[in-house]
N, C-alpha and C. Protein backbone atom coordinates (compact mmCIF):
# COMPACT_ATOMS: atom_id res chain seq x y z
N MET A 1 14.76 -43.41 41.20
CA MET A 1 13.98 -42.27 40.80
C MET A 1 14.43 -41.81 39.42
N LYS A 2 13.49 -41.51 38.57
CA LYS A 2 13.81 -41.07 37.21
C LYS A 2 14.30 -39.62 37.21
N PRO A 3 15.13 -39.24 36.24
CA PRO A 3 15.66 -37.87 36.21
C PRO A 3 14.60 -36.81 35.91
N ASP A 4 13.47 -37.21 35.33
CA ASP A 4 12.43 -36.23 35.03
C ASP A 4 11.32 -36.24 36.08
N HIS A 5 11.62 -36.73 37.27
CA HIS A 5 10.65 -36.88 38.35
C HIS A 5 10.92 -35.83 39.42
N ILE A 6 9.88 -35.12 39.85
CA ILE A 6 10.06 -34.13 40.91
C ILE A 6 8.99 -34.29 41.96
N HIS A 7 9.25 -33.75 43.11
CA HIS A 7 8.26 -33.65 44.18
C HIS A 7 8.06 -32.17 44.46
N VAL A 8 6.84 -31.77 44.70
CA VAL A 8 6.54 -30.37 44.99
C VAL A 8 5.82 -30.31 46.33
N PHE A 9 6.33 -29.51 47.21
CA PHE A 9 5.68 -29.28 48.50
C PHE A 9 5.10 -27.87 48.45
N ALA A 10 3.80 -27.76 48.63
CA ALA A 10 3.14 -26.46 48.53
C ALA A 10 2.24 -26.24 49.73
N ASP A 11 2.21 -25.02 50.18
CA ASP A 11 1.34 -24.63 51.29
C ASP A 11 0.09 -24.00 50.69
N VAL A 12 -0.98 -24.76 50.67
CA VAL A 12 -2.24 -24.28 50.07
C VAL A 12 -3.36 -24.43 51.10
N PRO A 13 -4.42 -23.65 50.94
CA PRO A 13 -5.54 -23.78 51.88
C PRO A 13 -6.16 -25.18 51.80
N GLN A 14 -6.72 -25.63 52.90
CA GLN A 14 -7.36 -26.94 52.92
C GLN A 14 -8.58 -27.00 52.01
N THR A 15 -9.11 -25.85 51.65
CA THR A 15 -10.28 -25.81 50.78
C THR A 15 -9.92 -26.00 49.31
N ALA A 16 -8.63 -25.93 48.98
CA ALA A 16 -8.19 -26.09 47.60
C ALA A 16 -8.14 -27.58 47.25
N ALA A 17 -8.75 -27.92 46.14
CA ALA A 17 -8.74 -29.31 45.69
C ALA A 17 -7.36 -29.64 45.12
N PRO A 18 -6.82 -30.81 45.46
CA PRO A 18 -5.49 -31.18 44.96
C PRO A 18 -5.40 -31.13 43.43
N CYS A 19 -6.46 -31.53 42.74
CA CYS A 19 -6.42 -31.50 41.27
C CYS A 19 -6.32 -30.07 40.75
N ASP A 20 -6.95 -29.11 41.44
CA ASP A 20 -6.85 -27.70 41.03
C ASP A 20 -5.44 -27.15 41.25
N VAL A 21 -4.83 -27.55 42.34
CA VAL A 21 -3.46 -27.12 42.63
C VAL A 21 -2.51 -27.68 41.57
N ALA A 22 -2.65 -28.96 41.25
CA ALA A 22 -1.80 -29.58 40.24
C ALA A 22 -2.02 -28.93 38.87
N ARG A 23 -3.27 -28.67 38.52
CA ARG A 23 -3.56 -28.04 37.22
C ARG A 23 -2.94 -26.65 37.13
N THR A 24 -3.04 -25.87 38.21
CA THR A 24 -2.46 -24.53 38.22
C THR A 24 -0.94 -24.60 38.08
N PHE A 25 -0.32 -25.52 38.80
CA PHE A 25 1.13 -25.68 38.70
C PHE A 25 1.53 -26.06 37.27
N LYS A 26 0.81 -26.99 36.67
CA LYS A 26 1.12 -27.42 35.31
C LYS A 26 0.90 -26.29 34.30
N ASP A 27 -0.17 -25.52 34.48
CA ASP A 27 -0.45 -24.40 33.58
C ASP A 27 0.68 -23.37 33.62
N ILE A 28 1.06 -22.97 34.83
CA ILE A 28 2.10 -21.95 34.98
C ILE A 28 3.44 -22.46 34.48
N SER A 29 3.78 -23.70 34.80
CA SER A 29 5.07 -24.23 34.36
C SER A 29 5.11 -24.37 32.83
N ALA A 30 4.01 -24.75 32.21
CA ALA A 30 3.97 -24.86 30.75
C ALA A 30 4.14 -23.49 30.10
N ILE A 31 3.47 -22.49 30.63
CA ILE A 31 3.59 -21.13 30.08
C ILE A 31 5.04 -20.66 30.17
N GLU A 32 5.67 -20.87 31.31
CA GLU A 32 7.06 -20.44 31.48
C GLU A 32 8.01 -21.21 30.57
N LEU A 33 7.78 -22.51 30.42
CA LEU A 33 8.62 -23.31 29.51
C LEU A 33 8.47 -22.84 28.07
N PHE A 34 7.24 -22.57 27.64
CA PHE A 34 7.01 -22.12 26.26
C PHE A 34 7.60 -20.73 26.03
N LYS A 35 7.64 -19.90 27.05
CA LYS A 35 8.30 -18.59 26.92
C LYS A 35 9.80 -18.77 26.74
N ALA A 36 10.38 -19.65 27.53
CA ALA A 36 11.83 -19.85 27.49
C ALA A 36 12.26 -20.66 26.27
N PHE A 37 11.42 -21.59 25.82
CA PHE A 37 11.75 -22.48 24.70
C PHE A 37 10.59 -22.53 23.71
N PRO A 38 10.43 -21.51 22.88
CA PRO A 38 9.29 -21.45 21.97
C PRO A 38 9.21 -22.65 21.01
N GLN A 39 10.34 -23.29 20.71
CA GLN A 39 10.32 -24.43 19.81
C GLN A 39 9.53 -25.61 20.39
N LEU A 40 9.33 -25.62 21.70
CA LEU A 40 8.55 -26.69 22.32
C LEU A 40 7.09 -26.67 21.89
N ILE A 41 6.58 -25.51 21.57
CA ILE A 41 5.17 -25.40 21.17
C ILE A 41 4.93 -26.27 19.94
N GLN A 42 5.76 -26.12 18.92
CA GLN A 42 5.60 -26.91 17.70
C GLN A 42 5.82 -28.39 17.99
N PHE A 43 6.83 -28.71 18.80
CA PHE A 43 7.12 -30.11 19.14
C PHE A 43 5.93 -30.76 19.84
N CYS A 44 5.32 -30.06 20.78
CA CYS A 44 4.18 -30.61 21.52
C CYS A 44 2.97 -30.77 20.61
N ARG A 45 2.76 -29.84 19.70
CA ARG A 45 1.65 -29.97 18.76
C ARG A 45 1.84 -31.19 17.88
N MET A 46 3.05 -31.44 17.42
CA MET A 46 3.31 -32.59 16.56
C MET A 46 3.05 -33.88 17.32
N ARG A 47 3.50 -33.96 18.55
CA ARG A 47 3.29 -35.18 19.36
C ARG A 47 1.82 -35.40 19.65
N TYR A 48 1.06 -34.31 19.90
CA TYR A 48 -0.35 -34.42 20.21
C TYR A 48 -1.12 -35.01 19.03
N PHE A 49 -0.82 -34.56 17.84
CA PHE A 49 -1.56 -35.02 16.67
C PHE A 49 -1.09 -36.38 16.17
N MET A 50 0.10 -36.81 16.60
CA MET A 50 0.60 -38.11 16.17
C MET A 50 0.05 -39.25 17.03
N VAL A 51 -0.50 -38.94 18.18
CA VAL A 51 -1.00 -39.98 19.09
C VAL A 51 -2.31 -40.53 18.61
């Protein structure tokens, strides 16, 4: 298992689409990471435009 690999167990309603749950988790985690490490915003922008 890679060091940047995680598993998340979540209790969500059966009506929630898995892709919506994953998107919400990614949105919230990105917001929290950018709050804690503002320098990541510039780093991610540079990587996005270099691809």
